[in-house]
Amino acid sequence: MLSKYIGDLTLPIYYIAGPPGMVVGLRKTLSESGVNDDNIRTEEFSGY
């Protein structure tokens, strides 16, 4: 789904913030899609 809107997934730097499960899942999806871990920034917020 992401590649439909972004095109080449490996070019952008991704910023992910939210509940831990969402952050982990989206990071995994991006990594499996070929995004370098250096291009993924995360911050987890629990307690929602």
C-alpha atoms as a PDB file:
ATOM      1  CA  MET A   1       0.000   0.000   0.000  1.00  0.00           C
ATOM      2  CA  LEU A   2       2.778   2.458   0.844  1.00  0.00           C
ATOM      3  CA  SER A   3       4.499   2.020  -2.505  1.00  0.00           C
ATOM      4  CA  LYS A   4       1.238   2.992  -4.236  1.00  0.00           C
ATOM      5  CA  TYR A   5       1.530   6.491  -2.757  1.00  0.00           C
ATOM      6  CA  ILE A   6       5.284   6.921  -2.269  1.00  0.00           C
ATOM      7  CA  GLY A   7       6.875   5.113  -5.216  1.00  0.00           C
ATOM      8  CA  ASP A   8      10.456   4.284  -4.211  1.00  0.00           C
ATOM      9  CA  LEU A   9      10.151   3.444  -0.511  1.00  0.00           C
ATOM     10  CA  THR A  10      13.915   3.540   0.054  1.00  0.00           C
ATOM     11  CA  LEU A  11      14.363   7.276  -0.592  1.00  0.00           C
ATOM     12  CA  PRO A  12      12.456   9.088   2.200  1.00  0.00           C
ATOM     13  CA  ILE A  13      13.347   9.325   5.862  1.00  0.00           C
ATOM     14  CA  TYR A  14      10.433   7.984   7.904  1.00  0.00           C
ATOM     15  CA  TYR A  15       9.296   9.379  11.248  1.00  0.00           C
ATOM     16  CA  ILE A  16       7.045   7.022  13.221  1.00  0.00           C
ATOM     17  CA  ALA A  17       5.452   7.975  16.539  1.00  0.00           C
ATOM     18  CA  GLY A  18       2.685   6.199  18.398  1.00  0.00           C
ATOM     19  CA  PRO A  19       1.852   3.163  20.510  1.00  0.00           C
ATOM     20  CA  PRO A  20       4.683   0.611  20.776  1.00  0.00           C
ATOM     21  CA  GLY A  21       2.882  -2.104  18.789  1.00  0.00           C
ATOM     22  CA  MET A  22       2.212   0.228  15.879  1.00  0.00           C
ATOM     23  CA  VAL A  23       5.774   1.551  15.851  1.00  0.00           C
ATOM     24  CA  VAL A  24       7.268  -1.957  15.895  1.00  0.00           C
ATOM     25  CA  GLY A  25       4.900  -3.177  13.181  1.00  0.00           C
ATOM     26  CA  LEU A  26       5.468  -0.257  10.841  1.00  0.00           C
ATOM     27  CA  ARG A  27       9.249  -0.373  11.346  1.00  0.00           C
ATOM     28  CA  LYS A  28       9.173  -4.090  10.449  1.00  0.00           C
ATOM     29  CA  THR A  29       7.062  -3.405   7.347  1.00  0.00           C
ATOM     30  CA  LEU A  30       9.436  -0.679   6.168  1.00  0.00           C
ATOM     31  CA  SER A  31      12.536  -2.810   6.821  1.00  0.00           C
ATOM     32  CA  GLU A  32      11.037  -5.737   4.906  1.00  0.00           C
ATOM     33  CA  SER A  33      10.307  -3.331   2.033  1.00  0.00           C
ATOM     34  CA  GLY A  34      14.006  -2.480   1.725  1.00  0.00           C
ATOM     35  CA  VAL A  35      14.151   0.735   3.757  1.00  0.00           C
ATOM     36  CA  ASN A  36      17.517   1.180   5.500  1.00  0.00           C
ATOM     37  CA  ASP A  37      17.188   1.277   9.304  1.00  0.00           C
ATOM     38  CA  ASP A  38      19.155   4.558   9.283  1.00  0.00           C
ATOM     39  CA  ASN A  39      16.190   6.135   7.441  1.00  0.00           C
ATOM     40  CA  ILE A  40      13.626   5.174  10.092  1.00  0.00           C
ATOM     41  CA  ARG A  41      13.187   7.396  13.166  1.00  0.00           C
ATOM     42  CA  THR A  42      10.849   6.223  15.921  1.00  0.00           C
ATOM     43  CA  GLU A  43       9.348   7.346  19.184  1.00  0.00           C
ATOM     44  CA  GLU A  44       6.971   5.229  21.232  1.00  0.00           C
ATOM     45  CA  PHE A  45       4.147   6.634  23.340  1.00  0.00           C
ATOM     46  CA  SER A  46       2.370   4.185  25.605  1.00  0.00           C
ATOM     47  CA  GLY A  47      -0.673   4.756  27.754  1.00  0.00           C
ATOM     48  CA  TYR A  48      -3.299   5.671  25.168  1.00  0.00           C
END
